[in-house]
PDB file of N, CA and C in Angstrom:
ATOM      1  N   UNK A   1     103.391  98.850  91.385  1.00  0.00           N
ATOM      2  CA  UNK A   1     103.380 100.285  91.351  1.00  0.00           C
ATOM      3  C   UNK A   1     102.798 100.761  90.527  1.00  0.00           C
ATOM      4  N   UNK A   2     102.063 101.904  90.730  1.00  0.00           N
ATOM      5  CA  UNK A   2     100.940 102.436  89.227  1.00  0.00           C
ATOM      6  C   UNK A   2     101.892 103.676  89.042  1.00  0.00           C
ATOM      7  N   UNK A   3     101.476 104.108  87.720  1.00  0.00           N
ATOM      8  CA  UNK A   3     101.974 104.950  86.870  1.00  0.00           C
ATOM      9  C   UNK A   3     100.886 105.712  86.043  1.00  0.00           C
ATOM     10  N   UNK A   4     100.991 107.245  86.156  1.00  0.00           N
ATOM     11  CA  UNK A   4     100.224 107.915  85.380  1.00  0.00           C
ATOM     12  C   UNK A   4     100.967 108.375  84.072  1.00  0.00           C
ATOM     13  N   UNK A   5     100.892 108.309  82.905  1.00  0.00           N
ATOM     14  CA  UNK A   5     101.303 108.599  81.794  1.00  0.00           C
ATOM     15  C   UNK A   5     100.560 109.759  81.202  1.00  0.00           C
ATOM     16  N   UNK A   6     100.922 110.709  80.772  1.00  0.00           N
ATOM     17  CA  UNK A   6     100.223 111.926  79.958  1.00  0.00           C
ATOM     18  C   UNK A   6     101.358 112.171  78.928  1.00  0.00           C
ATOM     19  N   UNK A   7     101.006 111.913  77.655  1.00  0.00           N
ATOM     20  CA  UNK A   7     101.720 112.084  76.490  1.00  0.00           C
ATOM     21  C   UNK A   7     101.398 112.440  75.317  1.00  0.00           C
ATOM     22  N   UNK A   8     101.988 113.970  74.999  1.00  0.00           N
ATOM     23  CA  UNK A   8     101.508 114.635  73.951  1.00  0.00           C
ATOM     24  C   UNK A   8     102.328 114.271  72.438  1.00  0.00           C
ATOM     25  N   UNK A   9     101.452 114.372  71.234  1.00  0.00           N
ATOM     26  CA  UNK A   9     102.024 114.029  70.284  1.00  0.00           C
ATOM     27  C   UNK A   9     102.927 115.269  69.614  1.00  0.00           C
ATOM     28  N   UNK A  10     103.641 115.126  68.690  1.00  0.00           N
ATOM     29  CA  UNK A  10     104.043 116.261  68.034  1.00  0.00           C
ATOM     30  C   UNK A  10     103.137 117.244  67.267  1.00  0.00           C
ATOM     31  N   UNK A  11     103.599 118.203  67.230  1.00  0.00           N
ATOM     32  CA  UNK A  11     102.491 119.190  66.617  1.00  0.00           C
ATOM     33  C   UNK A  11     102.731 119.553  65.173  1.00  0.00           C
ATOM     34  N   UNK A  12     103.920 118.902  64.641  1.00  0.00           N
ATOM     35  CA  UNK A  12     103.958 119.043  63.214  1.00  0.00           C
ATOM     36  C   UNK A  12     103.013 118.457  62.132  1.00  0.00           C
ATOM     37  N   UNK A  13     103.093 118.691  60.956  1.00  0.00           N
ATOM     38  CA  UNK A  13     101.951 118.555  60.089  1.00  0.00           C
ATOM     39  C   UNK A  13     101.888 117.077  59.515  1.00  0.00           C
ATOM     40  N   UNK A  14     103.106 116.322  60.255  1.00  0.00           N
ATOM     41  CA  UNK A  14     102.816 114.664  59.825  1.00  0.00           C
ATOM     42  C   UNK A  14     102.309 114.118  61.355  1.00  0.00           C
ATOM     43  N   UNK A  15     102.267 114.784  62.326  1.00  0.00           N
ATOM     44  CA  UNK A  15     101.956 114.159  63.659  1.00  0.00           C
ATOM     45  C   UNK A  15     100.622 113.075  63.440  1.00  0.00           C
ATOM     46  N   UNK A  16      99.624 113.476  63.176  1.00  0.00           N
ATOM     47  CA  UNK A  16      98.410 112.775  63.113  1.00  0.00           C
ATOM     48  C   UNK A  16      98.426 111.459  62.273  1.00  0.00           C
ATOM     49  N   UNK A  17      99.384 111.488  60.963  1.00  0.00           N
ATOM     50  CA  UNK A  17      99.729 110.714  60.226  1.00  0.00           C
ATOM     51  C   UNK A  17     100.705 109.315  60.780  1.00  0.00           C
ATOM     52  N   UNK A  18     101.618 109.937  61.645  1.00  0.00           N
ATOM     53  CA  UNK A  18     102.392 109.252  62.316  1.00  0.00           C
ATOM     54  C   UNK A  18     101.660 108.239  63.362  1.00  0.00           C
ATOM     55  N   UNK A  19     100.549 109.075  64.009  1.00  0.00           N
ATOM     56  CA  UNK A  19      99.973 108.261  65.140  1.00  0.00           C
ATOM     57  C   UNK A  19      98.883 107.141  64.490  1.00  0.00           C
ATOM     58  N   UNK A  20      98.370 107.607  63.504  1.00  0.00           N
ATOM     59  CA  UNK A  20      97.332 106.756  62.459  1.00  0.00           C
ATOM     60  C   UNK A  20      98.049 105.334  61.969  1.00  0.00           C
ATOM     61  N   UNK A  21      99.590 105.769  61.757  1.00  0.00           N
ATOM     62  CA  UNK A  21     100.109 104.641  61.056  1.00  0.00           C
ATOM     63  C   UNK A  21     100.792 103.538  61.769  1.00  0.00           C
ATOM     64  N   UNK A  22     100.684 103.730  63.241  1.00  0.00           N
ATOM     65  CA  UNK A  22     101.163 102.938  64.066  1.00  0.00           C
ATOM     66  C   UNK A  22      99.882 102.316  65.201  1.00  0.00           C
ATOM     67  N   UNK A  23      98.722 103.085  64.956  1.00  0.00           N
ATOM     68  CA  UNK A  23      97.636 103.103  65.912  1.00  0.00           C
ATOM     69  C   UNK A  23      97.191 101.543  66.384  1.00  0.00           C
ATOM     70  N   UNK A  24      97.402 100.873  65.290  1.00  0.00           N
ATOM     71  CA  UNK A  24      96.804  99.263  65.355  1.00  0.00           C
ATOM     72  C   UNK A  24      97.438  98.569  66.448  1.00  0.00           C
ATOM     73  N   UNK A  25      99.052  98.666  66.084  1.00  0.00           N
ATOM     74  CA  UNK A  25      99.834  98.170  66.726  1.00  0.00           C
ATOM     75  C   UNK A  25      99.952  98.651  68.356  1.00  0.00           C
ATOM     76  N   UNK A  26      99.675  99.791  68.618  1.00  0.00           N
ATOM     77  CA  UNK A  26      99.605 100.349  69.782  1.00  0.00           C
ATOM     78  C   UNK A  26      98.316  99.930  70.645  1.00  0.00           C
ATOM     79  N   UNK A  27      97.175  99.730  70.056  1.00  0.00           N
ATOM     80  CA  UNK A  27      95.997  99.100  70.493  1.00  0.00           C
ATOM     81  C   UNK A  27      96.203  97.732  70.856  1.00  0.00           C
ATOM     82  N   UNK A  28      96.804  96.884  69.802  1.00  0.00           N
ATOM     83  CA  UNK A  28      97.261  95.513  70.456  1.00  0.00           C
ATOM     84  C   UNK A  28      98.033  95.503  71.358  1.00  0.00           C
ATOM     85  N   UNK A  29      99.083  96.009  71.731  1.00  0.00           N
ATOM     86  CA  UNK A  29      99.800  96.317  72.821  1.00  0.00           C
ATOM     87  C   UNK A  29      98.855  96.753  74.048  1.00  0.00           C
ATOM     88  N   UNK A  30      98.039  97.914  73.827  1.00  0.00           N
ATOM     89  CA  UNK A  30      97.181  97.938  74.940  1.00  0.00           C
ATOM     90  C   UNK A  30      96.123  96.877  75.522  1.00  0.00           C
ATOM     91  N   UNK A  31      95.696  96.317  74.612  1.00  0.00           N
ATOM     92  CA  UNK A  31      94.541  94.857  74.863  1.00  0.00           C
ATOM     93  C   UNK A  31      95.474  93.696  75.705  1.00  0.00           C
ATOM     94  N   UNK A  32      96.900  93.872  75.388  1.00  0.00           N
ATOM     95  CA  UNK A  32      97.487  92.731  76.044  1.00  0.00           C
ATOM     96  C   UNK A  32      97.914  92.997  77.487  1.00  0.00           C
ATOM     97  N   UNK A  33      98.225  94.510  77.657  1.00  0.00           N
ATOM     98  CA  UNK A  33      98.539  95.413  78.796  1.00  0.00           C
ATOM     99  C   UNK A  33      97.166  94.581  79.961  1.00  0.00           C
ATOM    100  N   UNK A  34      96.061  95.178  79.231  1.00  0.00           N
ATOM    101  CA  UNK A  34      94.877  94.708  80.109  1.00  0.00           C
ATOM    102  C   UNK A  34      94.643  93.682  80.574  1.00  0.00           C
ATOM    103  N   UNK A  35      95.129  92.541  79.271  1.00  0.00           N
ATOM    104  CA  UNK A  35      94.888  91.122  79.379  1.00  0.00           C
ATOM    105  C   UNK A  35      95.747  90.631  80.586  1.00  0.00           C
ATOM    106  N   UNK A  36      97.187  91.213  80.870  1.00  0.00           N
ATOM    107  CA  UNK A  36      98.051  90.946  81.734  1.00  0.00           C
ATOM    108  C   UNK A  36      98.105  91.613  83.105  1.00  0.00           C
ATOM    109  N   UNK A  37      97.001  92.546  83.098  1.00  0.00           N
ATOM    110  CA  UNK A  37      97.018  93.096  84.507  1.00  0.00           C
ATOM    111  C   UNK A  37      97.698  94.335  84.555  1.00  0.00           C
ATOM    112  N   UNK A  38      98.443  94.913  83.490  1.00  0.00           N
ATOM    113  CA  UNK A  38      99.048  96.082  83.631  1.00  0.00           C
ATOM    114  C   UNK A  38      98.466  97.649  83.478  1.00  0.00           C
ATOM    115  N   UNK A  39      97.259  97.049  82.479  1.00  0.00           N
ATOM    116  CA  UNK A  39      96.665  98.402  81.818  1.00  0.00           C
ATOM    117  C   UNK A  39      95.160  98.563  82.822  1.00  0.00           C
ATOM    118  N   UNK A  40      95.187  99.797  83.172  1.00  0.00           N
ATOM    119  CA  UNK A  40      94.084 100.247  84.300  1.00  0.00           C
ATOM    120  C   UNK A  40      92.935 100.960  83.684  1.00  0.00           C
ATOM    121  N   UNK A  41      93.386 102.052  82.936  1.00  0.00           N
ATOM    122  CA  UNK A  41      92.612 102.821  82.084  1.00  0.00           C
ATOM    123  C   UNK A  41      93.435 103.967  81.263  1.00  0.00           C
ATOM    124  N   UNK A  42      92.915 104.233  80.130  1.00  0.00           N
ATOM    125  CA  UNK A  42      93.748 104.949  79.280  1.00  0.00           C
ATOM    126  C   UNK A  42      92.858 105.332  78.078  1.00  0.00           C
ATOM    127  N   UNK A  43      93.181 106.358  77.363  1.00  0.00           N
ATOM    128  CA  UNK A  43      92.855 106.657  76.108  1.00  0.00           C
ATOM    129  C   UNK A  43      93.360 107.912  75.646  1.00  0.00           C
ATOM    130  N   UNK A  44      92.861 108.330  74.359  1.00  0.00           N
ATOM    131  CA  UNK A  44      93.273 109.573  73.872  1.00  0.00           C
ATOM    132  C   UNK A  44      92.993 110.797  74.547  1.00  0.00           C
ATOM    133  N   UNK A  45      93.996 111.803  74.415  1.00  0.00           N
ATOM    134  CA  UNK A  45      93.496 113.346  74.797  1.00  0.00           C
ATOM    135  C   UNK A  45      93.355 114.072  73.590  1.00  0.00           C
ATOM    136  N   UNK A  46      91.988 114.805  73.224  1.00  0.00           N
ATOM    137  CA  UNK A  46      91.424 115.375  72.443  1.00  0.00           C
ATOM    138  C   UNK A  46      91.555 116.923  72.209  1.00  0.00           C
ATOM    139  N   UNK A  47      91.712 117.564  71.069  1.00  0.00           N
ATOM    140  CA  UNK A  47      91.688 118.816  71.135  1.00  0.00           C
ATOM    141  C   UNK A  47      90.262 119.461  71.393  1.00  0.00           C
ATOM    142  N   UNK A  48      90.088 120.632  71.195  1.00  0.00           N
ATOM    143  CA  UNK A  48      88.490 121.199  70.962  1.00  0.00           C
ATOM    144  C   UNK A  48      87.677 120.685  69.814  1.00  0.00           C
ATOM    145  N   UNK A  49      88.410 120.407  68.790  1.00  0.00           N
ATOM    146  CA  UNK A  49      87.578 119.627  67.569  1.00  0.00           C
ATOM    147  C   UNK A  49      87.652 118.435  67.570  1.00  0.00           C
ATOM    148  N   UNK A  50      88.019 117.603  68.753  1.00  0.00           N
ATOM    149  CA  UNK A  50      88.058 116.212  68.805  1.00  0.00           C
ATOM    150  C   UNK A  50      89.420 115.411  68.028  1.00  0.00           C
ATOM    151  N   UNK A  51      89.902 116.195  67.702  1.00  0.00           N
ATOM    152  CA  UNK A  51      91.588 115.659  66.978  1.00  0.00           C
ATOM    153  C   UNK A  51      92.116 115.057  68.150  1.00  0.00           C
ATOM    154  N   UNK A  52      92.752 113.746  67.777  1.00  0.00           N
ATOM    155  CA  UNK A  52      93.827 113.092  68.975  1.00  0.00           C
ATOM    156  C   UNK A  52      95.148 114.012  68.799  1.00  0.00           C
ATOM    157  N   UNK A  53      95.378 114.515  70.077  1.00  0.00           N
ATOM    158  CA  UNK A  53      96.824 114.943  70.187  1.00  0.00           C
ATOM    159  C   UNK A  53      97.627 114.479  71.256  1.00  0.00           C
ATOM    160  N   UNK A  54      97.091 113.503  72.165  1.00  0.00           N
ATOM    161  CA  UNK A  54      98.069 112.720  72.976  1.00  0.00           C
ATOM    162  C   UNK A  54      97.087 111.699  73.423  1.00  0.00           C
ATOM    163  N   UNK A  55      98.119 111.018  74.451  1.00  0.00           N
ATOM    164  CA  UNK A  55      97.376 109.984  75.130  1.00  0.00           C
ATOM    165  C   UNK A  55      97.395 110.071  76.692  1.00  0.00           C
ATOM    166  N   UNK A  56      96.564 109.567  77.748  1.00  0.00           N
ATOM    167  CA  UNK A  56      96.909 109.362  79.106  1.00  0.00           C
ATOM    168  C   UNK A  56      96.385 107.898  79.237  1.00  0.00           C
ATOM    169  N   UNK A  57      97.350 107.253  80.180  1.00  0.00           N
ATOM    170  CA  UNK A  57      97.308 105.731  80.754  1.00  0.00           C
ATOM    171  C   UNK A  57      97.423 105.943  82.230  1.00  0.00           C
ATOM    172  N   UNK A  58      96.821 104.956  82.783  1.00  0.00           N
ATOM    173  CA  UNK A  58      96.969 104.679  84.278  1.00  0.00           C
ATOM    174  C   UNK A  58      97.340 102.946  84.179  1.00  0.00           C
ATOM    175  N   UNK A  59      98.606 102.940  84.610  1.00  0.00           N
ATOM    176  CA  UNK A  59      99.564 101.460  84.492  1.00  0.00           C
ATOM    177  C   UNK A  59     100.109 100.861  85.603  1.00  0.00           C
ATOM    178  N   UNK A  60      99.637  99.609  85.781  1.00  0.00           N
ATOM    179  CA  UNK A  60     100.441  98.868  86.960  1.00  0.00           C
ATOM    180  C   UNK A  60     101.440  97.956  86.551  1.00  0.00           C
ATOM    181  N   UNK A  61     102.831  98.037  87.249  1.00  0.00           N
ATOM    182  CA  UNK A  61     104.203  97.159  86.694  1.00  0.00           C
ATOM    183  C   UNK A  61     104.506  97.206  88.210  1.00  0.00           C
ATOM    184  N   UNK A  62     105.405  95.902  88.244  1.00  0.00           N
ATOM    185  CA  UNK A  62     106.245  95.453  89.483  1.00  0.00           C
ATOM    186  C   UNK A  62     107.034  96.640  89.949  1.00  0.00           C
ATOM    187  N   UNK A  63     107.733  97.385  88.786  1.00  0.00           N
ATOM    188  CA  UNK A  63     108.577  98.334  89.511  1.00  0.00           C
ATOM    189  C   UNK A  63     108.822  99.312  88.176  1.00  0.00           C
ATOM    190  N   UNK A  64     109.697 100.474  88.695  1.00  0.00           N
ATOM    191  CA  UNK A  64     109.986 101.192  87.293  1.00  0.00           C
ATOM    192  C   UNK A  64     110.513 100.769  86.272  1.00  0.00           C
ATOM    193  N   UNK A  65     111.455  99.612  86.525  1.00  0.00           N
ATOM    194  CA  UNK A  65     112.136  99.374  85.359  1.00  0.00           C
ATOM    195  C   UNK A  65     111.312  98.239  84.352  1.00  0.00           C
ATOM    196  N   UNK A  66     110.335  97.805  84.739  1.00  0.00           N
ATOM    197  CA  UNK A  66     109.454  97.182  84.230  1.00  0.00           C
ATOM    198  C   UNK A  66     108.428  98.021  83.281  1.00  0.00           C
ATOM    199  N   UNK A  67     108.179  99.110  84.120  1.00  0.00           N
ATOM    200  CA  UNK A  67     107.300 100.268  83.221  1.00  0.00           C
ATOM    201  C   UNK A  67     108.150 100.808  82.244  1.00  0.00           C
ATOM    202  N   UNK A  68     109.484 101.255  82.461  1.00  0.00           N
ATOM    203  CA  UNK A  68     110.228 101.741  81.531  1.00  0.00           C
ATOM    204  C   UNK A  68     110.387 101.133  80.406  1.00  0.00           C
ATOM    205  N   UNK A  69     110.758  99.574  80.423  1.00  0.00           N
ATOM    206  CA  UNK A  69     110.918  98.757  79.486  1.00  0.00           C
ATOM    207  C   UNK A  69     109.573  98.829  78.463  1.00  0.00           C
ATOM    208  N   UNK A  70     108.268  98.493  79.203  1.00  0.00           N
ATOM    209  CA  UNK A  70     107.100  98.778  78.473  1.00  0.00           C
ATOM    210  C   UNK A  70     107.024 100.294  77.550  1.00  0.00           C
ATOM    211  N   UNK A  71     107.375 101.272  77.904  1.00  0.00           N
ATOM    212  CA  UNK A  71     107.419 102.467  77.477  1.00  0.00           C
ATOM    213  C   UNK A  71     108.008 102.641  76.657  1.00  0.00           C
ATOM    214  N   UNK A  72     109.463 102.282  76.706  1.00  0.00           N
ATOM    215  CA  UNK A  72     110.654 102.403  75.247  1.00  0.00           C
ATOM    216  C   UNK A  72     110.177 101.503  74.122  1.00  0.00           C
ATOM    217  N   UNK A  73     109.421 100.608  74.383  1.00  0.00           N
ATOM    218  CA  UNK A  73     108.773  99.432  73.173  1.00  0.00           C
ATOM    219  C   UNK A  73     107.625  99.988  72.506  1.00  0.00           C
ATOM    220  N   UNK A  74     106.902 100.621  73.375  1.00  0.00           N
ATOM    221  CA  UNK A  74     105.431 101.130  72.857  1.00  0.00           C
ATOM    222  C   UNK A  74     105.746 101.786  71.496  1.00  0.00           C
ATOM    223  N   UNK A  75     104.539 101.181  70.440  1.00  0.00           N
ATOM    224  CA  UNK A  75     104.639 101.890  69.015  1.00  0.00           C
ATOM    225  C   UNK A  75     104.487 103.399  69.020  1.00  0.00           C
ATOM    226  N   UNK A  76     104.153 103.820  70.020  1.00  0.00           N
ATOM    227  CA  UNK A  76     103.762 105.595  70.034  1.00  0.00           C
ATOM    228  C   UNK A  76     105.192 106.047  70.245  1.00  0.00           C
ATOM    229  N   UNK A  77     106.192 105.240  70.946  1.00  0.00           N
ATOM    230  CA  UNK A  77     107.387 106.013  71.449  1.00  0.00           C
ATOM    231  C   UNK A  77     108.470 105.775  70.207  1.00  0.00           C
ATOM    232  N   UNK A  78     108.100 104.294  69.707  1.00  0.00           N
ATOM    233  CA  UNK A  78     108.944 103.822  68.464  1.00  0.00           C
ATOM    234  C   UNK A  78     108.818 104.466  67.123  1.00  0.00           C
ATOM    235  N   UNK A  79     107.740 104.719  67.065  1.00  0.00           N
ATOM    236  CA  UNK A  79     106.842 105.457  65.711  1.00  0.00           C
ATOM    237  C   UNK A  79     107.227 106.873  65.868  1.00  0.00           C
ATOM    238  N   UNK A  80     107.548 107.565  66.868  1.00  0.00           N
ATOM    239  CA  UNK A  80     107.648 109.100  67.430  1.00  0.00           C
ATOM    240  C   UNK A  80     106.450 109.635  66.988  1.00  0.00           C
ATOM    241  N   UNK A  81     105.811 108.986  67.724  1.00  0.00           N
ATOM    242  CA  UNK A  81     104.286 109.833  67.812  1.00  0.00           C
ATOM    243  C   UNK A  81     104.291 110.915  69.230  1.00  0.00           C
ATOM    244  N   UNK A  82     104.623 110.295  70.415  1.00  0.00           N
ATOM    245  CA  UNK A  82     104.581 110.716  71.659  1.00  0.00           C
ATOM    246  C   UNK A  82     105.874 111.544  71.901  1.00  0.00           C
ATOM    247  N   UNK A  83     105.465 112.912  71.792  1.00  0.00           N
ATOM    248  CA  UNK A  83     106.841 113.819  72.057  1.00  0.00           C
ATOM    249  C   UNK A  83     107.305 114.297  73.099  1.00  0.00           C
ATOM    250  N   UNK A  84     106.262 114.511  73.835  1.00  0.00           N
ATOM    251  CA  UNK A  84     106.190 115.239  75.293  1.00  0.00           C
ATOM    252  C   UNK A  84     105.512 114.168  76.431  1.00  0.00           C
ATOM    253  N   UNK A  85     106.414 113.407  77.011  1.00  0.00           N
ATOM    254  CA  UNK A  85     105.758 112.418  77.948  1.00  0.00           C
ATOM    255  C   UNK A  85     106.344 113.024  79.576  1.00  0.00           C
ATOM    256  N   UNK A  86     105.464 112.637  80.230  1.00  0.00           N
ATOM    257  CA  UNK A  86     105.166 113.012  81.560  1.00  0.00           C
ATOM    258  C   UNK A  86     104.657 111.925  82.162  1.00  0.00           C
ATOM    259  N   UNK A  87     105.660 111.203  83.231  1.00  0.00           N
ATOM    260  CA  UNK A  87     105.255 110.045  83.910  1.00  0.00           C
ATOM    261  C   UNK A  87     105.100 110.180  85.547  1.00  0.00           C
ATOM    262  N   UNK A  88     104.286 109.939  86.179  1.00  0.00           N
ATOM    263  CA  UNK A  88     103.762 110.428  87.679  1.00  0.00           C
ATOM    264  C   UNK A  88     103.695 108.757  88.304  1.00  0.00           C
ATOM    265  N   UNK A  89     104.551 108.557  89.650  1.00  0.00           N
ATOM    266  CA  UNK A  89     104.019 107.534  90.164  1.00  0.00           C
ATOM    267  C   UNK A  89     102.493 107.881  90.847  1.00  0.00           C
ATOM    268  N   UNK A  90     101.830 106.901  91.018  1.00  0.00           N
ATOM    269  CA  UNK A  90     100.261 107.244  91.291  1.00  0.00           C
ATOM    270  C   UNK A  90      99.708 106.252  92.101  1.00  0.00           C
ATOM    271  N   UNK A  91      98.527 106.433  92.766  1.00  0.00           N
ATOM    272  CA  UNK A  91      97.967 105.539  93.706  1.00  0.00           C
ATOM    273  C   UNK A  91      96.541 105.641  93.597  1.00  0.00           C
ATOM    274  N   UNK A  92      95.758 104.783  93.156  1.00  0.00           N
ATOM    275  CA  UNK A  92      94.162 104.935  92.789  1.00  0.00           C
ATOM    276  C   UNK A  92      93.653 105.177  94.116  1.00  0.00           C
ATOM    277  N   UNK A  93      92.671 106.047  94.469  1.00  0.00           N
ATOM    278  CA  UNK A  93      91.750 106.385  95.712  1.00  0.00           C
ATOM    279  C   UNK A  93      91.060 105.137  95.548  1.00  0.00           C
ATOM    280  N   UNK A  94      90.757 104.713  96.995  1.00  0.00           N
ATOM    281  CA  UNK A  94      89.781 103.797  97.225  1.00  0.00           C
ATOM    282  C   UNK A  94      88.394 103.995  96.898  1.00  0.00           C
ATOM    283  N   UNK A  95      87.777 103.046  96.642  1.00  0.00           N
ATOM    284  CA  UNK A  95      86.400 103.682  96.176  1.00  0.00           C
ATOM    285  C   UNK A  95      85.215 103.310  97.501  1.00  0.00           C
ATOM    286  N   UNK A  96      86.058 102.610  98.170  1.00  0.00           N
ATOM    287  CA  UNK A  96      84.797 102.427  99.260  1.00  0.00           C
ATOM    288  C   UNK A  96      85.627 102.652 100.878  1.00  0.00           C
ATOM    289  N   UNK A  97      84.917 103.059 101.743  1.00  0.00           N
ATOM    290  CA  UNK A  97      85.406 103.363 102.871  1.00  0.00           C
ATOM    291  C   UNK A  97      85.808 102.251 103.901  1.00  0.00           C
ATOM    292  N   UNK A  98      87.167 101.808 104.134  1.00  0.00           N
ATOM    293  CA  UNK A  98      87.364 100.697 105.184  1.00  0.00           C
ATOM    294  C   UNK A  98      87.083 100.823 106.604  1.00  0.00           C
TER     295      UNK A  98
END
């Protein structure tokens, strides 16, 4: 089951500092997600000046429970970086006509 995550950081003065404090742990987790076949694509959402203000990711897990378990343990959640998280079930469009 695929999931599209759109997560915005807090907007307070310490938001970027919180993000940067746990970014390496978050990226280590992302690399593992990709290696394990769960991470399809993802990246930072930027504002007009190029500052990171959130993230989006397309993930695949066996079910919603497995996805929720990953999400609650991600460093951007436990580190209070992501403050506004939206999750949508998703299906990647085919890239060729069958």
